[in-house]
Structures are given as structure tokens and as C-alpha cells.
Amino acid sequence: MKSGIVSVDSLLYCSEKVAPFGSSNYYALLWQAPKTRARVLAVLALRQELLDIPARVSDGQLALTKLNWWREELARAARGVAQHPVSNGLQPLLGGSLLSLAELTSMCDGIEMLLHTGRLHDEAALLAFCRLTGGLPWQLTARIAAPGDVSGLAYAEQIGVGLQLLDAMQNLVAEAQRGMILAPTSMLERHGLPVERLASAEPDEHFVALAKDMLTRSKSTLLAARQQFPGQVPAALRYLVALAAMANATMKELERSGLESLTSQHLSLTPVRKLLLAWKSRWFT
């Protein structure tokens, strides 16, 4: 029976999956009401379960099988018979005004784009991938956190796309070494960077130019998102402000240390800095 309340077991699983202590999500969501936070975490945990498929399953057919299992599992959740802790967390939210089965399965479509060929062919495909795997899930969290706020939906979608672009940039080499090319073919060609050299993690000027291109796209998307609210961002959505602030701070650190460092490390802010940015975003935005 759908009560609208996420179970304790689901909440614990989702929290550990996407918001462990010290993570960006942990601090960004620190001031959300417990019920809202639990619902948001369920959506983000589904997103992470789906993103984990291409990241952890090297066999393409097996990855598609796992993705199809999630499609079936979401359909079970819509019928009230979910089996997985994440879909159990989503189950109370389906069928009303907060979430629809079609929206959740669209997130699966984004992953499927990558699984079929292992790469994205052009910038339009990159944007579509980022919208489905970043923009859409964060947009759904905004609907949960601030129901009825139309500007909030557009804001959250752009924040999600910007965050996904940054994540793709930070994981260019690691994903290429697993056979997943997150930089579009057209972008690789423009910067004269063959796929083989991307996977070999050579920190040359071609890689730096590619990383700078993706970083610029992430920055401009986050800036465009902020323009959705000429004044103050509503308090219910300031977790998104915090995440954008953390992303911008991360990009500044990457520029300071040199983008060639992306071939050997994944930069992350310290927990203390994340906490400070989340606190400033919550109370001084």
C-alpha cells in the first residue's frame, strides 16, 4: 500500500548509495526536511544504479540485460510490488503528481544511448545523454522539494546537465579505459584526439583542449541555470545552489592545478569545504 513514506531500509540503502557522510550530496541535502530528503535520495539512488551499469559491467549484452531488469523493476514499483530497496523507496511516489513511470524509464533511455555503441557521436548526443542522466533526475528532485515551482524545474534541469558535464569531464580517461567514450566523436575530432590516446591517458595539449571545452560547457550551463532566478533561489531548492557552488569550486581547482591532471586523478573538495559551501548556499543565497 502506498503511504507516501519511504521505508527505513530503503532510506538507509539510498543514503549509503548517493549521500554517504562527506559527500557533496550529504552536505547539500543537510538542511532539507527528512521526508523530502528521503524522497530525493530515492531518485538519486536510481540514477546512480543506472550510471553504475556502464561503469561496472564490461559485457555489453549483460549491461543491456541489467538495464532491462531495471525497466521491469520500475514497472513493478508502479504496480506496488517493488523488489529492490531503491524502487521500494520510489514506490510510494509513483502514480501521483510527483513521479511517473515514463519519467523514470527515460533515465534508462539515457544509459541505453551509451550501451549500444559505447560512445556519443556528436554534441547533440552528449547533451541528450546529460539531460536524461543528469537534468531529468535533478528536475524530479526539484518537483519533490518544491511542488508547483515551474521555474524550479527548469533551474534544476540545467543544474543537473551542468553537473553531469563536469562528471563526464572528470571521468573521461577512466571511462575510456573501460570502453565508454563520454566525449562525442565530433569533439574528439575537433581537438585532434584519437580514442586510443584518450584511453592511454596522455596529458598532452589535445587532451587539455578537450577537457577545457567540456569544462566551459559545464560552467556556461550552471551560469544559465542561475539566471532562472534573478533574485533569491527559493529555500527549498538551495541544495541545488550548494551543488552548483561545489561544482564551480571544483572547476576552479582543476584550472589551478592544470587540466592535464585529469589523466591521473579525480579531484574532490574536502568535506569541510563542501560543508562551508552548503552552509553559505543555504543561508546566504
Protein backbone atom coordinates (compact mmCIF):
# COMPACT_ATOMS: atom_id res chain seq x y z
CA MET A 1 0.00 0.00 0.00
CA LYS A 2 1.36 3.42 -0.94
CA SER A 3 1.67 5.62 2.14
CA GLY A 4 3.94 8.28 0.64
CA ILE A 5 6.62 7.42 3.21
CA VAL A 6 9.98 5.92 2.23
CA SER A 7 10.80 2.90 4.39
CA VAL A 8 13.76 2.98 6.78
CA ASP A 9 15.54 0.16 4.93
CA SER A 10 15.21 1.98 1.61
CA LEU A 11 16.36 5.25 3.16
CA LEU A 12 19.48 3.64 4.63
CA TYR A 13 20.34 1.96 1.33
CA CYS A 14 19.79 5.12 -0.73
CA SER A 15 21.71 7.30 1.73
CA GLU A 16 24.71 5.00 1.59
CA LYS A 17 24.46 4.82 -2.19
CA VAL A 18 24.41 8.52 -3.02
CA ALA A 19 24.87 10.60 0.15
CA PRO A 20 27.42 8.99 2.49
CA PHE A 21 29.00 11.22 5.11
CA GLY A 22 31.49 13.57 3.49
CA SER A 23 29.90 13.52 0.03
CA SER A 24 28.59 16.55 -1.86
CA ASN A 25 25.01 15.24 -1.70
CA TYR A 26 25.29 14.70 2.06
CA TYR A 27 26.10 18.35 2.73
CA ALA A 28 23.86 19.80 0.02
CA LEU A 29 20.81 18.00 1.47
CA LEU A 30 21.71 18.55 5.10
CA TRP A 31 19.01 21.17 5.68
CA GLN A 32 16.20 19.51 3.74
CA ALA A 33 13.21 18.23 5.70
CA PRO A 34 13.69 14.49 6.47
CA LYS A 35 10.71 13.39 4.37
CA THR A 36 11.83 15.44 1.37
CA ARG A 37 15.41 14.31 1.76
CA ALA A 38 14.36 10.64 1.78
CA ARG A 39 12.35 11.08 -1.42
CA VAL A 40 15.14 12.99 -3.17
CA LEU A 41 17.66 10.30 -2.21
CA ALA A 42 15.46 7.60 -3.74
CA VAL A 43 15.52 9.39 -7.11
CA LEU A 44 19.27 9.98 -6.93
CA ALA A 45 19.89 6.37 -5.94
CA LEU A 46 18.03 5.17 -9.04
CA ARG A 47 20.16 7.50 -11.16
CA GLN A 48 23.32 6.06 -9.60
CA GLU A 49 22.19 2.45 -10.01
CA LEU A 50 21.71 3.14 -13.72
CA LEU A 51 25.01 5.01 -14.13
CA ASP A 52 26.78 2.11 -12.41
CA ILE A 53 25.76 -0.25 -15.22
CA PRO A 54 28.12 1.04 -17.93
CA ALA A 55 30.73 1.85 -15.28
CA ARG A 56 30.83 -1.64 -13.76
CA VAL A 57 29.55 -4.10 -16.37
CA SER A 58 32.06 -4.58 -19.18
CA ASP A 59 30.00 -7.04 -21.25
CA GLY A 60 27.62 -5.03 -23.44
CA GLN A 61 24.88 -7.66 -23.63
CA LEU A 62 24.98 -8.24 -19.89
CA ALA A 63 24.77 -4.50 -19.30
CA LEU A 64 21.66 -4.25 -21.51
CA THR A 65 20.13 -7.20 -19.65
CA LYS A 66 20.72 -5.43 -16.34
CA LEU A 67 19.26 -2.20 -17.71
CA ASN A 68 16.15 -4.07 -18.88
CA TRP A 69 15.83 -5.58 -15.42
CA TRP A 70 15.61 -2.06 -14.06
CA ARG A 71 12.90 -1.18 -16.58
CA GLU A 72 10.92 -4.19 -15.36
CA GLU A 73 11.62 -3.34 -11.74
CA LEU A 74 10.32 0.20 -12.18
CA ALA A 75 7.15 -1.23 -13.74
CA ARG A 76 6.81 -3.47 -10.67
CA ALA A 77 7.23 -0.43 -8.43
CA ALA A 78 4.42 1.32 -10.31
CA ARG A 79 2.21 -1.71 -9.55
CA GLY A 80 3.23 -1.64 -5.88
CA VAL A 81 5.37 -4.81 -5.92
CA ALA A 82 8.95 -3.46 -6.00
CA GLN A 83 11.79 -5.83 -5.08
CA HIS A 84 14.86 -3.56 -4.80
CA PRO A 85 15.50 -1.06 -1.95
CA VAL A 86 15.74 1.82 -4.43
CA SER A 87 12.48 1.04 -6.21
CA ASN A 88 10.89 0.40 -2.82
CA GLY A 89 11.83 3.98 -2.00
CA LEU A 90 10.29 5.23 -5.25
CA GLN A 91 7.16 3.10 -5.00
CA PRO A 92 5.23 5.45 -2.66
CA LEU A 93 5.86 8.37 -5.03
CA LEU A 94 4.65 6.76 -8.26
CA GLY A 95 1.17 7.23 -9.60
CA GLY A 96 0.64 10.69 -8.12
CA SER A 97 1.84 14.14 -9.14
CA LEU A 98 5.47 13.68 -8.08
CA LEU A 99 6.82 10.91 -10.30
CA SER A 100 5.69 8.96 -13.34
CA LEU A 101 6.89 5.63 -14.64
CA ALA A 102 7.60 7.21 -18.04
CA GLU A 103 9.97 9.75 -16.48
CA LEU A 104 11.90 7.12 -14.55
CA THR A 105 12.25 4.85 -17.56
CA SER A 106 13.50 7.82 -19.59
CA MET A 107 16.54 7.76 -17.32
CA CYS A 108 17.10 4.21 -18.59
CA ASP A 109 16.95 5.54 -22.15
CA GLY A 110 19.92 7.79 -21.42
CA ILE A 111 22.04 4.84 -20.31
CA GLU A 112 20.93 2.79 -23.31
CA MET A 113 22.25 5.52 -25.63
CA LEU A 114 25.75 4.78 -24.34
CA LEU A 115 25.47 0.99 -24.07
CA HIS A 116 24.63 0.33 -27.73
CA THR A 117 27.79 1.82 -29.20
CA GLY A 118 29.97 2.74 -26.22
CA ARG A 119 30.20 6.31 -27.41
CA LEU A 120 28.31 9.51 -28.19
CA HIS A 121 28.63 10.69 -31.78
CA ASP A 122 28.10 14.44 -31.51
CA GLU A 123 27.39 17.31 -29.13
CA ALA A 124 23.64 16.84 -29.51
CA ALA A 125 24.01 13.26 -28.28
CA LEU A 126 26.15 14.44 -25.35
CA LEU A 127 23.51 16.98 -24.37
CA ALA A 128 20.72 14.39 -24.67
CA PHE A 129 22.71 11.96 -22.51
CA CYS A 130 23.34 14.65 -19.87
CA ARG A 131 19.68 15.69 -19.87
CA LEU A 132 18.43 12.15 -19.32
CA THR A 133 21.04 11.07 -16.76
CA GLY A 134 21.60 14.44 -15.05
CA GLY A 135 18.97 17.01 -15.93
CA LEU A 136 15.90 14.79 -15.61
CA PRO A 137 16.70 13.19 -12.22
CA TRP A 138 17.61 16.51 -10.66
CA GLN A 139 14.46 18.02 -12.15
CA LEU A 140 12.44 15.28 -10.45
CA THR A 141 14.10 16.13 -7.13
CA ALA A 142 13.01 19.75 -7.58
CA ARG A 143 9.42 18.66 -8.15
CA ILE A 144 9.62 16.75 -4.87
CA ALA A 145 11.31 19.59 -2.96
CA ALA A 146 9.26 22.47 -4.37
CA PRO A 147 5.97 21.21 -5.87
CA GLY A 148 4.38 23.64 -8.30
CA ASP A 149 7.51 25.76 -8.86
CA VAL A 150 7.85 25.77 -12.66
CA SER A 151 10.99 27.94 -12.65
CA GLY A 152 12.50 25.48 -10.20
CA LEU A 153 12.07 22.64 -12.67
CA ALA A 154 13.96 24.46 -15.42
CA TYR A 155 16.63 25.54 -12.93
CA ALA A 156 17.12 22.01 -11.62
CA GLU A 157 17.35 20.54 -15.12
CA GLN A 158 20.14 22.91 -16.11
CA ILE A 159 21.99 22.34 -12.84
CA GLY A 160 21.75 18.59 -13.46
CA VAL A 161 23.09 18.91 -17.02
CA GLY A 162 25.98 21.08 -15.80
CA LEU A 163 26.86 18.61 -13.05
CA GLN A 164 26.73 15.69 -15.49
CA LEU A 165 29.03 17.51 -17.91
CA LEU A 166 31.53 18.05 -15.12
CA ASP A 167 31.29 14.42 -14.07
CA ALA A 168 31.82 13.28 -17.66
CA MET A 169 34.88 15.52 -17.97
CA GLN A 170 36.38 14.18 -14.73
CA ASN A 171 35.83 10.59 -15.87
CA LEU A 172 36.96 10.91 -19.49
CA VAL A 173 40.03 8.72 -19.09
CA ALA A 174 38.64 6.17 -16.62
CA GLU A 175 35.55 5.55 -18.76
CA ALA A 176 37.61 5.37 -21.97
CA GLN A 177 39.75 2.68 -20.35
CA ARG A 178 36.51 0.74 -19.74
CA GLY A 179 35.46 1.18 -23.36
CA MET A 180 32.96 4.01 -22.79
CA ILE A 181 33.79 7.23 -24.65
CA LEU A 182 31.97 10.13 -22.99
CA ALA A 183 33.42 12.82 -25.24
CA PRO A 184 31.49 12.98 -28.53
CA THR A 185 33.30 11.75 -31.65
CA SER A 186 32.88 15.17 -33.25
CA MET A 187 34.56 16.84 -30.26
CA LEU A 188 37.45 14.36 -30.27
CA GLU A 189 38.00 15.03 -33.98
CA ARG A 190 37.88 18.79 -33.48
CA HIS A 191 40.65 18.59 -30.90
CA GLY A 192 42.69 16.02 -32.81
CA LEU A 193 42.46 13.39 -30.11
CA PRO A 194 42.09 9.73 -31.20
CA VAL A 195 40.14 7.46 -28.88
CA GLU A 196 43.23 5.31 -28.32
CA ARG A 197 45.19 8.26 -26.95
CA LEU A 198 42.30 9.24 -24.68
CA ALA A 199 42.33 5.77 -23.14
CA SER A 200 46.12 5.80 -22.75
CA ALA A 201 45.86 8.89 -20.50
CA GLU A 202 48.43 11.03 -22.28
CA PRO A 203 48.24 14.54 -20.77
CA ASP A 204 49.02 16.41 -23.99
CA GLU A 205 47.65 19.66 -25.41
CA HIS A 206 44.91 17.80 -27.31
CA PHE A 207 43.52 16.29 -24.11
CA VAL A 208 43.75 19.65 -22.30
CA ALA A 209 41.83 21.34 -25.13
CA LEU A 210 39.10 18.68 -24.95
CA ALA A 211 38.82 18.96 -21.17
CA LYS A 212 38.69 22.75 -21.39
CA ASP A 213 35.88 22.52 -23.96
CA MET A 214 33.81 20.32 -21.66
CA LEU A 215 34.61 22.44 -18.61
CA THR A 216 33.46 25.58 -20.44
CA ARG A 217 30.18 23.86 -21.34
CA SER A 218 29.62 22.87 -17.72
CA LYS A 219 30.35 26.40 -16.49
CA SER A 220 28.04 28.07 -19.00
CA THR A 221 25.22 25.63 -18.23
CA LEU A 222 25.46 26.30 -14.49
CA LEU A 223 25.54 30.05 -15.15
CA ALA A 224 22.45 29.81 -17.38
CA ALA A 225 20.69 27.89 -14.62
CA ARG A 226 21.29 30.69 -12.12
CA GLN A 227 19.59 33.15 -14.45
CA GLN A 228 16.30 31.29 -13.92
CA PHE A 229 16.10 33.15 -10.60
CA PRO A 230 17.08 36.83 -10.93
CA GLY A 231 16.53 37.20 -7.18
CA GLN A 232 16.84 34.67 -4.40
CA VAL A 233 16.54 30.96 -5.10
CA PRO A 234 13.67 29.52 -3.00
CA ALA A 235 14.89 27.93 0.22
CA ALA A 236 13.53 24.52 -0.81
CA LEU A 237 15.87 24.48 -3.82
CA ARG A 238 19.05 25.76 -2.23
CA TYR A 239 20.53 22.26 -2.16
CA LEU A 240 20.94 22.81 -5.90
CA VAL A 241 22.70 26.12 -5.25
CA ALA A 242 25.08 24.24 -2.96
CA LEU A 243 25.83 21.60 -5.59
CA ALA A 244 26.45 24.28 -8.22
CA ALA A 245 28.78 26.11 -5.82
CA MET A 246 30.71 22.90 -5.18
CA ALA A 247 30.93 22.23 -8.92
CA ASN A 248 32.23 25.73 -9.63
CA ALA A 249 34.78 25.45 -6.83
CA THR A 250 35.91 22.09 -8.23
CA MET A 251 36.37 23.57 -11.69
CA LYS A 252 38.45 26.43 -10.27
CA GLU A 253 40.68 23.91 -8.51
CA LEU A 254 41.04 21.92 -11.72
CA GLU A 255 42.06 25.03 -13.63
CA ARG A 256 44.50 25.95 -10.89
CA SER A 257 46.15 22.52 -10.83
CA GLY A 258 46.06 22.15 -14.64
CA LEU A 259 43.55 20.14 -16.64
CA GLU A 260 46.23 17.62 -17.59
CA SER A 261 45.89 16.34 -14.01
CA LEU A 262 42.57 14.76 -15.05
CA THR A 263 44.50 11.94 -16.71
CA SER A 264 45.67 10.69 -13.32
CA GLN A 265 43.21 11.87 -10.67
CA HIS A 266 39.59 12.68 -9.86
CA LEU A 267 39.55 15.95 -7.95
CA SER A 268 37.19 16.29 -4.98
CA LEU A 269 36.79 19.12 -2.48
CA THR A 270 37.45 18.42 1.18
CA PRO A 271 34.41 17.67 3.37
CA VAL A 272 35.00 20.87 5.34
CA ARG A 273 34.91 22.97 2.19
CA LYS A 274 31.75 21.20 1.00
CA LEU A 275 30.10 21.91 4.35
CA LEU A 276 31.06 25.59 4.18
CA LEU A 277 29.72 25.97 0.64
CA ALA A 278 26.50 24.17 1.55
CA TRP A 279 26.04 26.36 4.63
CA LYS A 280 26.65 29.60 2.70
CA SER A 281 24.29 28.45 -0.07
CA ARG A 282 21.53 27.61 2.40
CA TRP A 283 21.63 30.76 4.50
CA PHE A 284 23.21 33.48 2.33
CA THR A 285 21.85 32.89 -1.19
